[in-house]
Amino acid sequence: MDLNKKVKRKLFSPGVMYLLAGLFVGEFILHPLTMVIYWFEFYRPVHEKVRLLYFIKTRFVESFSPEMLPMNLVFLTLGAVLGVSAGIFHHSLVKKNAKGGRPKKINHDLQTLIETGENESIEFKSSVRWDYQQERINKDLEQKIIITIAGFMNHHGGTLLIGVGDCGEILGLEKDYLTLAKKNSDGFVQLLTGLISARLGTNNCALVKISMLKRKKKEICRLDVSPAVKPVYARFGQDEIFCIRVGSSTRELNVREAYGYIQQHWA
């Protein structure tokens, strides 16, 4: 991500937007409204013959006069506090909903998922086949996708977004499309379905809901993975891997660890 994109992301981050919204509410809604109520309450006997709309308009304009600068600062501060408080409250709700990783708690829209970031129930992957670092096809990346899905199945489920970078940047799926015989979303879904069926078992395909979404004119693939009712092993050649979700990563367990986890998780 270049410097300009980083700056734009900071400027238009949810926290900054909540702060700006709070400043606007404090200065252009609460302050004028307070002025109108105050003057109407205490000076109404003097202005009984003045039309109400004219009175309100006059008081509204006066709230932005130089003499009212101290009050402007007070209401700007109040608005900033309200905006930041609303932002903190929203962020805490997002984290609370994402915590625990159960599917019914992660059914958020795409923007909320990206803002939440990677955790026990949310994972970002740039691509399935295209290696952005080496600028070439790298089918080893397919294994990482399958391991992540298996980890969700063996834990409490989760959501995998493909076409999104580690920092939440929208990369899209165009690079992956170019590696396919059918260079579109249908071909991409067929690739994923084939990988899941071959590596995790056809019966486990039903645990994965695949959705194709668009953001910033780029396509993103969302996989909502349900927890399995019995252990799921990822098969690669003669090897079978058992893995689970731990924090914001997927970990492969050895035989002893896998046995203990299975006894506890599916007891």
Protein backbone atom coordinates (compact mmCIF):
# COMPACT_ATOMS: atom_id res chain seq x y z
CA MET A 1 0.00 0.00 0.00
CA ASP A 2 1.55 3.32 -1.08
CA LEU A 3 1.75 6.45 1.07
CA ASN A 4 -1.26 8.17 -0.54
CA LYS A 5 -3.48 5.17 0.11
CA LYS A 6 -2.29 4.98 3.72
CA VAL A 7 -3.04 8.69 4.24
CA LYS A 8 -6.49 8.37 2.65
CA ARG A 9 -7.25 5.35 4.78
CA LYS A 10 -6.33 7.25 7.94
CA LEU A 11 -8.32 10.33 6.91
CA PHE A 12 -11.42 8.31 6.08
CA SER A 13 -11.12 5.82 8.92
CA PRO A 14 -14.28 5.16 10.99
CA GLY A 15 -12.80 6.99 14.00
CA VAL A 16 -12.16 10.19 12.04
CA MET A 17 -15.61 10.04 10.43
CA TYR A 18 -17.28 9.69 13.83
CA LEU A 19 -15.28 12.65 15.13
CA LEU A 20 -16.26 14.84 12.15
CA ALA A 21 -19.90 13.82 12.51
CA GLY A 22 -19.80 14.75 16.20
CA LEU A 23 -18.27 18.16 15.44
CA PHE A 24 -20.99 18.82 12.87
CA VAL A 25 -23.79 17.84 15.25
CA GLY A 26 -22.35 19.94 18.08
CA GLU A 27 -21.74 23.09 16.02
CA PHE A 28 -24.60 23.10 13.51
CA ILE A 29 -27.39 21.36 15.42
CA LEU A 30 -26.96 21.46 19.20
CA HIS A 31 -25.55 24.99 19.39
CA PRO A 32 -28.17 26.73 17.21
CA LEU A 33 -30.97 24.69 18.75
CA THR A 34 -29.85 25.67 22.26
CA MET A 35 -29.71 29.33 21.23
CA VAL A 36 -33.23 29.24 19.79
CA ILE A 37 -34.66 27.53 22.87
CA TYR A 38 -32.85 29.90 25.25
CA TRP A 39 -33.89 33.11 23.54
CA PHE A 40 -37.45 31.93 22.93
CA GLU A 41 -37.82 30.91 26.58
CA PHE A 42 -36.45 34.10 28.19
CA TYR A 43 -37.31 36.81 25.64
CA ARG A 44 -40.62 35.63 24.29
CA PRO A 45 -42.67 38.38 26.10
CA VAL A 46 -40.62 41.05 24.34
CA HIS A 47 -41.06 39.49 20.90
CA GLU A 48 -44.66 38.28 21.01
CA LYS A 49 -45.46 40.21 17.81
CA VAL A 50 -42.44 38.82 15.94
CA ARG A 51 -43.20 35.90 13.69
CA LEU A 52 -41.84 32.64 15.06
CA LEU A 53 -39.93 31.63 11.92
CA TYR A 54 -38.22 35.01 11.71
CA PHE A 55 -37.32 34.78 15.38
CA ILE A 56 -35.80 31.31 14.96
CA LYS A 57 -33.85 32.40 11.86
CA THR A 58 -32.44 35.41 13.68
CA ARG A 59 -31.31 33.42 16.69
CA PHE A 60 -29.81 30.72 14.45
CA VAL A 61 -27.65 33.22 12.57
CA GLU A 62 -26.57 34.94 15.79
CA SER A 63 -25.26 31.65 17.15
CA PHE A 64 -22.39 31.93 14.62
CA SER A 65 -21.47 35.54 15.37
CA PRO A 66 -17.96 36.44 16.65
CA GLU A 67 -19.39 37.17 20.09
CA MET A 68 -20.48 33.54 20.37
CA LEU A 69 -16.98 32.12 19.74
CA PRO A 70 -16.59 30.77 23.32
CA MET A 71 -19.94 28.99 23.01
CA ASN A 72 -18.92 27.63 19.60
CA LEU A 73 -15.84 26.09 21.18
CA VAL A 74 -17.94 24.59 23.97
CA PHE A 75 -20.33 22.93 21.55
CA LEU A 76 -17.51 21.78 19.26
CA THR A 77 -15.95 20.07 22.26
CA LEU A 78 -19.29 18.55 23.23
CA GLY A 79 -19.79 17.31 19.68
CA ALA A 80 -16.29 15.82 19.58
CA VAL A 81 -16.96 13.94 22.83
CA LEU A 82 -20.26 12.62 21.49
CA GLY A 83 -18.67 11.56 18.18
CA VAL A 84 -15.74 9.77 19.79
CA SER A 85 -18.06 8.08 22.30
CA ALA A 86 -20.31 6.85 19.48
CA GLY A 87 -17.25 5.53 17.62
CA ILE A 88 -15.97 3.68 20.70
CA PHE A 89 -19.42 2.21 21.32
CA HIS A 90 -19.71 1.01 17.70
CA HIS A 91 -16.20 -0.50 17.78
CA SER A 92 -16.96 -2.33 21.03
CA LEU A 93 -20.15 -3.78 19.52
CA VAL A 94 -18.22 -5.00 16.47
CA LYS A 95 -15.58 -6.67 18.65
CA LYS A 96 -18.22 -8.18 20.91
CA ASN A 97 -20.12 -9.65 17.95
CA ALA A 98 -16.95 -11.05 16.42
CA LYS A 99 -15.64 -12.56 19.67
CA GLY A 100 -16.19 -16.28 19.96
CA GLY A 101 -16.36 -16.84 16.22
CA ARG A 102 -19.73 -18.54 15.97
CA PRO A 103 -21.41 -18.11 12.55
CA LYS A 104 -24.53 -16.45 13.91
CA LYS A 105 -22.31 -13.69 15.37
CA ILE A 106 -20.25 -12.97 12.26
CA ASN A 107 -23.02 -12.33 9.76
CA HIS A 108 -21.86 -8.75 9.24
CA ASP A 109 -21.66 -6.78 6.03
CA LEU A 110 -18.36 -6.70 4.18
CA GLN A 111 -17.27 -3.28 5.47
CA THR A 112 -17.81 -4.31 9.10
CA LEU A 113 -15.81 -7.51 8.60
CA ILE A 114 -12.89 -5.58 7.09
CA GLU A 115 -13.00 -2.94 9.84
CA THR A 116 -12.99 -5.67 12.50
CA GLY A 117 -9.79 -7.15 11.09
CA GLU A 118 -8.43 -10.66 11.36
CA ASN A 119 -9.26 -12.55 14.52
CA GLU A 120 -10.39 -15.98 15.66
CA SER A 121 -13.39 -15.93 13.31
CA ILE A 122 -12.22 -13.71 10.44
CA GLU A 123 -9.34 -14.26 8.00
CA PHE A 124 -8.13 -12.31 4.95
CA LYS A 125 -6.37 -13.90 1.98
CA SER A 126 -5.01 -11.94 -0.98
CA SER A 127 -5.61 -14.72 -3.50
CA VAL A 128 -5.93 -18.45 -4.11
CA ARG A 129 -3.23 -18.87 -6.74
CA TRP A 130 -1.58 -15.56 -7.58
CA ASP A 131 1.51 -14.74 -5.49
CA TYR A 132 1.68 -10.94 -5.18
CA GLN A 133 5.22 -11.05 -3.78
CA GLN A 134 6.70 -13.27 -6.48
CA GLU A 135 4.39 -11.97 -9.23
CA ARG A 136 3.55 -15.45 -10.47
CA ILE A 137 1.20 -18.40 -10.00
CA ASN A 138 1.91 -20.23 -6.76
CA LYS A 139 -0.35 -23.22 -6.15
CA ASP A 140 1.05 -23.59 -2.64
CA LEU A 141 -1.34 -20.77 -1.75
CA GLU A 142 -4.24 -23.14 -2.43
CA GLN A 143 -3.05 -25.26 0.50
CA LYS A 144 -3.20 -22.23 2.82
CA ILE A 145 -6.78 -21.55 1.77
CA ILE A 146 -7.80 -25.15 2.48
CA ILE A 147 -6.00 -25.20 5.84
CA THR A 148 -7.80 -22.00 6.89
CA ILE A 149 -11.19 -23.46 5.96
CA ALA A 150 -10.39 -26.70 7.81
CA GLY A 151 -9.30 -24.71 10.86
CA PHE A 152 -12.67 -22.92 10.93
CA MET A 153 -14.54 -26.22 10.53
CA ASN A 154 -12.65 -27.79 13.44
CA HIS A 155 -13.23 -24.75 15.67
CA HIS A 156 -16.39 -22.64 15.82
CA GLY A 157 -16.68 -21.67 12.16
CA GLY A 158 -15.69 -18.34 10.66
CA THR A 159 -15.50 -16.10 7.61
CA LEU A 160 -12.72 -16.08 5.01
CA LEU A 161 -12.41 -13.12 2.63
CA ILE A 162 -10.35 -13.74 -0.52
CA GLY A 163 -9.15 -10.71 -2.45
CA VAL A 164 -8.39 -8.71 0.71
CA GLY A 165 -4.85 -7.99 1.96
CA ASP A 166 -3.62 -8.49 5.51
CA CYS A 167 -4.19 -4.82 6.34
CA GLY A 168 -7.70 -4.80 4.88
CA GLU A 169 -6.78 -3.33 1.49
CA ILE A 170 -9.08 -4.38 -1.37
CA LEU A 171 -7.06 -6.30 -3.97
CA GLY A 172 -9.82 -8.04 -5.89
CA LEU A 173 -9.70 -11.35 -7.73
CA GLU A 174 -8.61 -10.23 -11.20
CA LYS A 175 -5.14 -11.77 -10.82
CA ASP A 176 -6.65 -15.11 -9.84
CA TYR A 177 -9.15 -14.96 -12.71
CA LEU A 178 -6.29 -14.76 -15.20
CA THR A 179 -4.95 -18.12 -13.95
CA LEU A 180 -8.23 -19.92 -14.68
CA ALA A 181 -9.55 -21.56 -17.83
CA LYS A 182 -12.86 -19.81 -17.17
CA LYS A 183 -11.66 -16.32 -16.28
CA ASN A 184 -14.57 -15.04 -14.21
CA SER A 185 -16.38 -15.52 -10.91
CA ASP A 186 -18.01 -18.76 -12.05
CA GLY A 187 -14.61 -20.26 -12.79
CA PHE A 188 -13.34 -19.04 -9.42
CA VAL A 189 -16.23 -20.64 -7.53
CA GLN A 190 -15.69 -23.88 -9.44
CA LEU A 191 -12.01 -23.82 -8.44
CA LEU A 192 -12.84 -23.33 -4.76
CA THR A 193 -15.57 -25.96 -4.76
CA GLY A 194 -13.22 -28.45 -6.42
CA LEU A 195 -10.45 -27.76 -3.90
CA ILE A 196 -12.77 -28.12 -0.91
CA SER A 197 -14.25 -31.34 -2.27
CA ALA A 198 -10.87 -32.88 -3.11
CA ARG A 199 -9.00 -31.79 0.05
CA LEU A 200 -11.69 -31.77 2.74
CA GLY A 201 -14.28 -34.20 1.40
CA THR A 202 -17.37 -33.69 -0.75
CA ASN A 203 -19.63 -34.03 2.29
CA ASN A 204 -17.98 -30.97 3.86
CA CYS A 205 -18.76 -28.70 0.91
CA ALA A 206 -22.16 -28.10 2.49
CA LEU A 207 -20.41 -26.39 5.43
CA VAL A 208 -19.09 -23.62 3.18
CA LYS A 209 -21.30 -20.87 1.78
CA ILE A 210 -19.54 -19.03 -1.06
CA SER A 211 -20.61 -15.48 -1.95
CA MET A 212 -19.15 -13.15 -4.58
CA LEU A 213 -19.23 -9.49 -3.53
CA LYS A 214 -18.12 -6.19 -5.02
CA ARG A 215 -16.34 -3.34 -3.30
CA LYS A 216 -14.56 -0.40 -4.92
CA LYS A 217 -15.38 -1.96 -8.31
CA LYS A 218 -13.40 -5.08 -7.40
CA GLU A 219 -14.76 -8.55 -6.73
CA ILE A 220 -14.17 -10.29 -3.42
CA CYS A 221 -15.05 -13.84 -2.43
CA ARG A 222 -16.61 -14.42 0.97
CA LEU A 223 -16.69 -17.90 2.49
CA ASP A 224 -18.86 -18.40 5.55
CA VAL A 225 -17.72 -21.64 7.15
CA SER A 226 -19.89 -23.58 9.61
CA PRO A 227 -18.37 -25.76 12.36
CA ALA A 228 -18.17 -29.49 11.60
CA VAL A 229 -19.94 -32.12 13.69
CA LYS A 230 -16.85 -34.35 13.54
CA PRO A 231 -13.11 -33.84 12.89
CA VAL A 232 -12.12 -32.63 9.41
CA TYR A 233 -8.72 -33.51 7.97
CA ALA A 234 -7.07 -31.69 5.07
CA ARG A 235 -5.63 -34.20 2.61
CA PHE A 236 -2.53 -33.35 0.56
CA GLY A 237 -1.23 -36.40 -1.28
CA GLN A 238 -0.55 -39.08 1.32
CA ASP A 239 -0.60 -36.61 4.20
CA GLU A 240 -3.60 -35.71 6.34
CA ILE A 241 -3.43 -32.53 8.39
CA PHE A 242 -5.60 -31.65 11.38
CA CYS A 243 -5.68 -27.95 12.20
CA ILE A 244 -7.68 -25.51 14.30
CA ARG A 245 -8.13 -21.78 14.58
CA VAL A 246 -5.98 -20.16 17.29
CA GLY A 247 -6.31 -16.40 17.64
CA SER A 248 -5.92 -14.81 14.23
CA SER A 249 -4.05 -17.74 12.69
CA THR A 250 -4.57 -21.41 11.85
CA ARG A 251 -2.37 -23.97 13.60
CA GLU A 252 -1.59 -27.55 12.63
CA LEU A 253 -1.73 -29.98 15.56
CA ASN A 254 0.45 -33.05 16.00
CA VAL A 255 -1.12 -36.45 16.68
CA ARG A 256 -1.14 -36.11 20.45
CA GLU A 257 -2.51 -32.54 20.39
CA ALA A 258 -5.15 -33.48 17.83
CA TYR A 259 -6.32 -36.44 19.92
CA GLY A 260 -6.68 -34.29 23.04
CA TYR A 261 -8.50 -31.51 21.15
CA ILE A 262 -10.91 -33.93 19.48
CA GLN A 263 -11.76 -35.57 22.79
CA GLN A 264 -12.49 -32.19 24.34
CA HIS A 265 -14.15 -30.41 21.42
CA TRP A 266 -16.50 -33.19 20.27
CA ALA A 267 -17.08 -34.81 23.63
